[in-house]
């Protein structure tokens, strides 16, 4: 089964909405973060094709996009996971595992995932089709709680210089979880949203 989404009466999706389905045998995902100017209602048409049975089904999904009324998260940091593809981190259970892993580095009762972006959407290259090679994923995490000392050290100018020289980093333990391989040299402080 393959899926083909588009904005109703248009050939493509809105600029903020992404779609991924690697093969007809895998799940498909629509994901993205609308901007304030995208508030309102929009209809996405999804066409499903079953090539074995020669069946086609069209479904409309209505999105009601509301302005974000949640308080801004003043502390944000973006992690780059080298060992994941975007569709692997979209399920809620995986996002919860990631937040729990980050809490060992940044203790906070209210970590929120602000955005998830494929490295390919940032100009990354498609990896060779070899086992274990992934495209990579950027995950922006925010909180109202200040960064931990450990996180501040990792984002320091000294550590960024060490990254450029490909030296080892000065700071705390960088292992958050064997499931998530973070590229600590691509760690960036995010902007408040």
C-alpha atoms as a PDB file:
ATOM      1  CA  UNK A   1       0.000   0.000   0.000  1.00  0.00           C
ATOM      2  CA  UNK A   2       1.434   3.388  -0.961  1.00  0.00           C
ATOM      3  CA  UNK A   3       0.104   6.771   0.097  1.00  0.00           C
ATOM      4  CA  UNK A   4       0.215  10.074  -1.784  1.00  0.00           C
ATOM      5  CA  UNK A   5      -0.819  13.158   0.235  1.00  0.00           C
ATOM      6  CA  UNK A   6      -1.379  16.677  -1.093  1.00  0.00           C
ATOM      7  CA  UNK A   7      -3.127  19.865  -0.084  1.00  0.00           C
ATOM      8  CA  UNK A   8      -6.673  19.819  -1.464  1.00  0.00           C
ATOM      9  CA  UNK A   9      -6.815  21.520  -4.896  1.00  0.00           C
ATOM     10  CA  UNK A  10      -3.006  21.804  -5.000  1.00  0.00           C
ATOM     11  CA  UNK A  11      -0.348  19.400  -6.286  1.00  0.00           C
ATOM     12  CA  UNK A  12       1.871  19.464  -3.152  1.00  0.00           C
ATOM     13  CA  UNK A  13       1.770  19.616   0.623  1.00  0.00           C
ATOM     14  CA  UNK A  14       2.026  22.938   2.483  1.00  0.00           C
ATOM     15  CA  UNK A  15       5.660  24.032   3.015  1.00  0.00           C
ATOM     16  CA  UNK A  16       5.639  23.091   6.699  1.00  0.00           C
ATOM     17  CA  UNK A  17       4.208  19.581   6.293  1.00  0.00           C
ATOM     18  CA  UNK A  18       6.426  16.610   5.394  1.00  0.00           C
ATOM     19  CA  UNK A  19       5.556  13.091   4.285  1.00  0.00           C
ATOM     20  CA  UNK A  20       7.668   9.925   4.525  1.00  0.00           C
ATOM     21  CA  UNK A  21       7.033   6.345   3.483  1.00  0.00           C
ATOM     22  CA  UNK A  22      10.152   4.399   2.529  1.00  0.00           C
ATOM     23  CA  UNK A  23       8.485   1.347   0.994  1.00  0.00           C
ATOM     24  CA  UNK A  24       4.918   0.107   0.389  1.00  0.00           C
ATOM     25  CA  UNK A  25       5.424  -2.278   3.325  1.00  0.00           C
ATOM     26  CA  UNK A  26       6.214   0.409   5.898  1.00  0.00           C
ATOM     27  CA  UNK A  27       4.088   2.916   7.777  1.00  0.00           C
ATOM     28  CA  UNK A  28       3.636   6.384   6.323  1.00  0.00           C
ATOM     29  CA  UNK A  29       3.973   9.588   8.355  1.00  0.00           C
ATOM     30  CA  UNK A  30       2.802  13.176   7.898  1.00  0.00           C
ATOM     31  CA  UNK A  31       4.728  15.470  10.228  1.00  0.00           C
ATOM     32  CA  UNK A  32       5.735  19.098  10.656  1.00  0.00           C
ATOM     33  CA  UNK A  33       5.345  22.312  12.638  1.00  0.00           C
ATOM     34  CA  UNK A  34       3.100  25.041  11.252  1.00  0.00           C
ATOM     35  CA  UNK A  35       4.089  28.670  11.729  1.00  0.00           C
ATOM     36  CA  UNK A  36       1.658  31.231  13.233  1.00  0.00           C
ATOM     37  CA  UNK A  37       0.749  32.474   9.734  1.00  0.00           C
ATOM     38  CA  UNK A  38      -0.458  28.933   8.885  1.00  0.00           C
ATOM     39  CA  UNK A  39      -3.320  29.143  11.421  1.00  0.00           C
ATOM     40  CA  UNK A  40      -6.695  28.154  10.055  1.00  0.00           C
ATOM     41  CA  UNK A  41      -8.242  25.122   8.422  1.00  0.00           C
ATOM     42  CA  UNK A  42      -6.688  23.101   5.640  1.00  0.00           C
ATOM     43  CA  UNK A  43      -7.656  19.846   4.002  1.00  0.00           C
ATOM     44  CA  UNK A  44      -5.106  17.221   3.044  1.00  0.00           C
ATOM     45  CA  UNK A  45      -6.157  14.608   0.493  1.00  0.00           C
ATOM     46  CA  UNK A  46      -4.466  11.238   0.829  1.00  0.00           C
ATOM     47  CA  UNK A  47      -4.701   8.746  -2.004  1.00  0.00           C
ATOM     48  CA  UNK A  48      -3.942   5.131  -1.080  1.00  0.00           C
ATOM     49  CA  UNK A  49      -2.933   2.698  -3.817  1.00  0.00           C
ATOM     50  CA  UNK A  50      -3.038  -1.061  -3.377  1.00  0.00           C
ATOM     51  CA  UNK A  51      -1.105  -2.337  -6.392  1.00  0.00           C
ATOM     52  CA  UNK A  52      -1.837  -5.978  -5.622  1.00  0.00           C
ATOM     53  CA  UNK A  53      -5.613  -5.576  -5.638  1.00  0.00           C
ATOM     54  CA  UNK A  54      -5.659  -2.609  -8.054  1.00  0.00           C
ATOM     55  CA  UNK A  55      -7.659  -0.566  -5.548  1.00  0.00           C
ATOM     56  CA  UNK A  56      -7.508   3.175  -4.982  1.00  0.00           C
ATOM     57  CA  UNK A  57      -9.011   5.004  -2.015  1.00  0.00           C
ATOM     58  CA  UNK A  58      -9.031   8.741  -1.366  1.00  0.00           C
ATOM     59  CA  UNK A  59      -9.468  10.172   2.140  1.00  0.00           C
ATOM     60  CA  UNK A  60      -9.587  13.785   3.276  1.00  0.00           C
ATOM     61  CA  UNK A  61      -7.982  14.860   6.553  1.00  0.00           C
ATOM     62  CA  UNK A  62      -8.984  18.234   7.971  1.00  0.00           C
ATOM     63  CA  UNK A  63      -6.330  20.103   9.967  1.00  0.00           C
ATOM     64  CA  UNK A  64      -7.525  22.876  12.282  1.00  0.00           C
ATOM     65  CA  UNK A  65      -4.351  24.798  13.078  1.00  0.00           C
ATOM     66  CA  UNK A  66      -4.656  26.966  16.176  1.00  0.00           C
ATOM     67  CA  UNK A  67      -2.175  29.625  17.306  1.00  0.00           C
ATOM     68  CA  UNK A  68       0.154  28.276  19.978  1.00  0.00           C
ATOM     69  CA  UNK A  69      -0.986  29.558  23.376  1.00  0.00           C
ATOM     70  CA  UNK A  70       1.512  27.566  25.431  1.00  0.00           C
ATOM     71  CA  UNK A  71       4.167  29.591  27.236  1.00  0.00           C
ATOM     72  CA  UNK A  72       7.406  29.944  25.291  1.00  0.00           C
ATOM     73  CA  UNK A  73      10.223  27.576  26.164  1.00  0.00           C
ATOM     74  CA  UNK A  74      13.206  29.877  26.749  1.00  0.00           C
ATOM     75  CA  UNK A  75      15.794  27.077  26.891  1.00  0.00           C
ATOM     76  CA  UNK A  76      16.106  24.998  23.733  1.00  0.00           C
ATOM     77  CA  UNK A  77      18.806  22.743  22.364  1.00  0.00           C
ATOM     78  CA  UNK A  78      18.953  20.806  19.121  1.00  0.00           C
ATOM     79  CA  UNK A  79      20.413  17.295  19.070  1.00  0.00           C
ATOM     80  CA  UNK A  80      21.576  15.472  15.946  1.00  0.00           C
ATOM     81  CA  UNK A  81      21.052  11.701  16.070  1.00  0.00           C
ATOM     82  CA  UNK A  82      23.398   9.915  13.669  1.00  0.00           C
ATOM     83  CA  UNK A  83      21.821   6.474  13.987  1.00  0.00           C
ATOM     84  CA  UNK A  84      18.170   7.250  13.246  1.00  0.00           C
ATOM     85  CA  UNK A  85      15.952   8.004  10.272  1.00  0.00           C
ATOM     86  CA  UNK A  86      13.129  10.490  10.766  1.00  0.00           C
ATOM     87  CA  UNK A  87      10.334   7.894  10.685  1.00  0.00           C
ATOM     88  CA  UNK A  88      12.048   5.967  13.498  1.00  0.00           C
ATOM     89  CA  UNK A  89      11.691   8.896  15.948  1.00  0.00           C
ATOM     90  CA  UNK A  90       8.170   9.998  15.013  1.00  0.00           C
ATOM     91  CA  UNK A  91       6.302   7.407  17.135  1.00  0.00           C
ATOM     92  CA  UNK A  92       5.367   8.846  20.542  1.00  0.00           C
ATOM     93  CA  UNK A  93       6.980   5.953  22.444  1.00  0.00           C
ATOM     94  CA  UNK A  94      10.372   6.669  20.841  1.00  0.00           C
ATOM     95  CA  UNK A  95      10.047  10.387  21.579  1.00  0.00           C
ATOM     96  CA  UNK A  96       9.331   9.580  25.232  1.00  0.00           C
ATOM     97  CA  UNK A  97      12.434   7.350  25.378  1.00  0.00           C
ATOM     98  CA  UNK A  98      14.500  10.159  23.885  1.00  0.00           C
ATOM     99  CA  UNK A  99      13.179  12.706  26.396  1.00  0.00           C
ATOM    100  CA  UNK A 100      13.897  10.286  29.256  1.00  0.00           C
ATOM    101  CA  UNK A 101      17.434   9.797  27.954  1.00  0.00           C
ATOM    102  CA  UNK A 102      17.965  13.571  27.722  1.00  0.00           C
ATOM    103  CA  UNK A 103      16.692  14.051  31.285  1.00  0.00           C
ATOM    104  CA  UNK A 104      19.787  12.192  32.506  1.00  0.00           C
ATOM    105  CA  UNK A 105      21.763  15.079  30.975  1.00  0.00           C
ATOM    106  CA  UNK A 106      19.280  17.922  31.551  1.00  0.00           C
ATOM    107  CA  UNK A 107      17.131  17.185  34.624  1.00  0.00           C
ATOM    108  CA  UNK A 108      13.762  18.840  34.055  1.00  0.00           C
ATOM    109  CA  UNK A 109      10.196  17.857  34.743  1.00  0.00           C
ATOM    110  CA  UNK A 110       8.927  19.461  31.574  1.00  0.00           C
ATOM    111  CA  UNK A 111      11.100  18.690  28.544  1.00  0.00           C
ATOM    112  CA  UNK A 112       9.152  19.096  25.316  1.00  0.00           C
ATOM    113  CA  UNK A 113      10.065  18.075  21.798  1.00  0.00           C
ATOM    114  CA  UNK A 114       9.632  21.243  19.765  1.00  0.00           C
ATOM    115  CA  UNK A 115      10.608  20.020  16.299  1.00  0.00           C
ATOM    116  CA  UNK A 116      11.895  16.953  14.432  1.00  0.00           C
ATOM    117  CA  UNK A 117      13.669  17.397  11.090  1.00  0.00           C
ATOM    118  CA  UNK A 118      15.300  14.920   8.754  1.00  0.00           C
ATOM    119  CA  UNK A 119      18.938  15.696   7.941  1.00  0.00           C
ATOM    120  CA  UNK A 120      17.905  15.439   4.282  1.00  0.00           C
ATOM    121  CA  UNK A 121      15.688  18.517   4.767  1.00  0.00           C
ATOM    122  CA  UNK A 122      18.801  20.393   5.917  1.00  0.00           C
ATOM    123  CA  UNK A 123      20.939  19.457   2.934  1.00  0.00           C
ATOM    124  CA  UNK A 124      22.225  16.120   4.260  1.00  0.00           C
ATOM    125  CA  UNK A 125      23.125  13.384   1.835  1.00  0.00           C
ATOM    126  CA  UNK A 126      21.204  10.204   1.257  1.00  0.00           C
ATOM    127  CA  UNK A 127      23.348   7.442   2.818  1.00  0.00           C
ATOM    128  CA  UNK A 128      24.539   4.480   0.816  1.00  0.00           C
ATOM    129  CA  UNK A 129      22.133   1.526   1.023  1.00  0.00           C
ATOM    130  CA  UNK A 130      24.320  -0.322   3.515  1.00  0.00           C
ATOM    131  CA  UNK A 131      23.132  -1.852   6.778  1.00  0.00           C
ATOM    132  CA  UNK A 132      23.388   0.540   9.693  1.00  0.00           C
ATOM    133  CA  UNK A 133      23.764   3.750   7.670  1.00  0.00           C
ATOM    134  CA  UNK A 134      21.084   6.289   8.479  1.00  0.00           C
ATOM    135  CA  UNK A 135      20.257   9.764   7.192  1.00  0.00           C
ATOM    136  CA  UNK A 136      20.209  11.341  10.661  1.00  0.00           C
ATOM    137  CA  UNK A 137      17.601  13.397  12.514  1.00  0.00           C
ATOM    138  CA  UNK A 138      17.624  16.785  14.231  1.00  0.00           C
ATOM    139  CA  UNK A 139      15.475  16.965  17.372  1.00  0.00           C
ATOM    140  CA  UNK A 140      14.849  20.325  19.017  1.00  0.00           C
ATOM    141  CA  UNK A 141      14.042  19.980  22.735  1.00  0.00           C
ATOM    142  CA  UNK A 142      12.842  22.823  24.944  1.00  0.00           C
ATOM    143  CA  UNK A 143      12.213  23.508  28.610  1.00  0.00           C
ATOM    144  CA  UNK A 144      11.480  26.331  31.025  1.00  0.00           C
ATOM    145  CA  UNK A 145      14.318  24.981  33.199  1.00  0.00           C
ATOM    146  CA  UNK A 146      17.833  26.372  32.543  1.00  0.00           C
ATOM    147  CA  UNK A 147      20.445  24.156  30.885  1.00  0.00           C
ATOM    148  CA  UNK A 148      22.449  21.863  33.130  1.00  0.00           C
ATOM    149  CA  UNK A 149      26.129  22.628  33.683  1.00  0.00           C
ATOM    150  CA  UNK A 150      26.954  19.578  31.583  1.00  0.00           C
ATOM    151  CA  UNK A 151      24.888  20.825  28.622  1.00  0.00           C
ATOM    152  CA  UNK A 152      26.408  24.307  28.875  1.00  0.00           C
ATOM    153  CA  UNK A 153      29.906  22.756  28.777  1.00  0.00           C
ATOM    154  CA  UNK A 154      29.059  20.721  25.688  1.00  0.00           C
ATOM    155  CA  UNK A 155      27.765  23.859  23.915  1.00  0.00           C
ATOM    156  CA  UNK A 156      30.745  25.991  25.011  1.00  0.00           C
ATOM    157  CA  UNK A 157      33.027  27.694  22.495  1.00  0.00           C
ATOM    158  CA  UNK A 158      35.939  25.610  23.774  1.00  0.00           C
ATOM    159  CA  UNK A 159      34.159  22.362  22.942  1.00  0.00           C
ATOM    160  CA  UNK A 160      33.125  23.716  19.534  1.00  0.00           C
ATOM    161  CA  UNK A 161      36.814  24.486  18.829  1.00  0.00           C
ATOM    162  CA  UNK A 162      37.709  20.957  19.923  1.00  0.00           C
ATOM    163  CA  UNK A 163      35.099  19.600  17.510  1.00  0.00           C
ATOM    164  CA  UNK A 164      36.652  21.527  14.630  1.00  0.00           C
ATOM    165  CA  UNK A 165      40.035  20.046  15.556  1.00  0.00           C
ATOM    166  CA  UNK A 166      38.405  16.616  15.960  1.00  0.00           C
ATOM    167  CA  UNK A 167      39.669  16.422  19.542  1.00  0.00           C
ATOM    168  CA  UNK A 168      37.858  14.786  22.430  1.00  0.00           C
ATOM    169  CA  UNK A 169      35.365  16.965  24.246  1.00  0.00           C
ATOM    170  CA  UNK A 170      35.753  18.306  27.774  1.00  0.00           C
ATOM    171  CA  UNK A 171      32.667  17.650  29.817  1.00  0.00           C
ATOM    172  CA  UNK A 172      30.470  15.137  31.528  1.00  0.00           C
ATOM    173  CA  UNK A 173      29.535  11.648  30.386  1.00  0.00           C
ATOM    174  CA  UNK A 174      28.133  11.842  26.847  1.00  0.00           C
ATOM    175  CA  UNK A 175      26.298   8.544  26.820  1.00  0.00           C
ATOM    176  CA  UNK A 176      22.568   9.104  27.072  1.00  0.00           C
ATOM    177  CA  UNK A 177      21.310   5.828  25.604  1.00  0.00           C
ATOM    178  CA  UNK A 178      22.643   3.189  23.263  1.00  0.00           C
ATOM    179  CA  UNK A 179      19.489   3.676  21.160  1.00  0.00           C
ATOM    180  CA  UNK A 180      20.355   7.324  20.420  1.00  0.00           C
ATOM    181  CA  UNK A 181      23.805   8.132  19.048  1.00  0.00           C
ATOM    182  CA  UNK A 182      24.159  11.910  19.469  1.00  0.00           C
ATOM    183  CA  UNK A 183      26.731  13.850  17.448  1.00  0.00           C
ATOM    184  CA  UNK A 184      27.880  16.158  20.251  1.00  0.00           C
ATOM    185  CA  UNK A 185      29.708  18.408  17.800  1.00  0.00           C
ATOM    186  CA  UNK A 186      26.389  19.294  16.110  1.00  0.00           C
ATOM    187  CA  UNK A 187      24.651  20.230  19.366  1.00  0.00           C
ATOM    188  CA  UNK A 188      23.170  23.718  18.986  1.00  0.00           C
ATOM    189  CA  UNK A 189      21.305  26.065  21.251  1.00  0.00           C
ATOM    190  CA  UNK A 190      17.855  26.624  19.765  1.00  0.00           C
ATOM    191  CA  UNK A 191      15.768  29.746  19.455  1.00  0.00           C
ATOM    192  CA  UNK A 192      12.761  30.443  21.633  1.00  0.00           C
ATOM    193  CA  UNK A 193       9.452  29.688  19.883  1.00  0.00           C
END
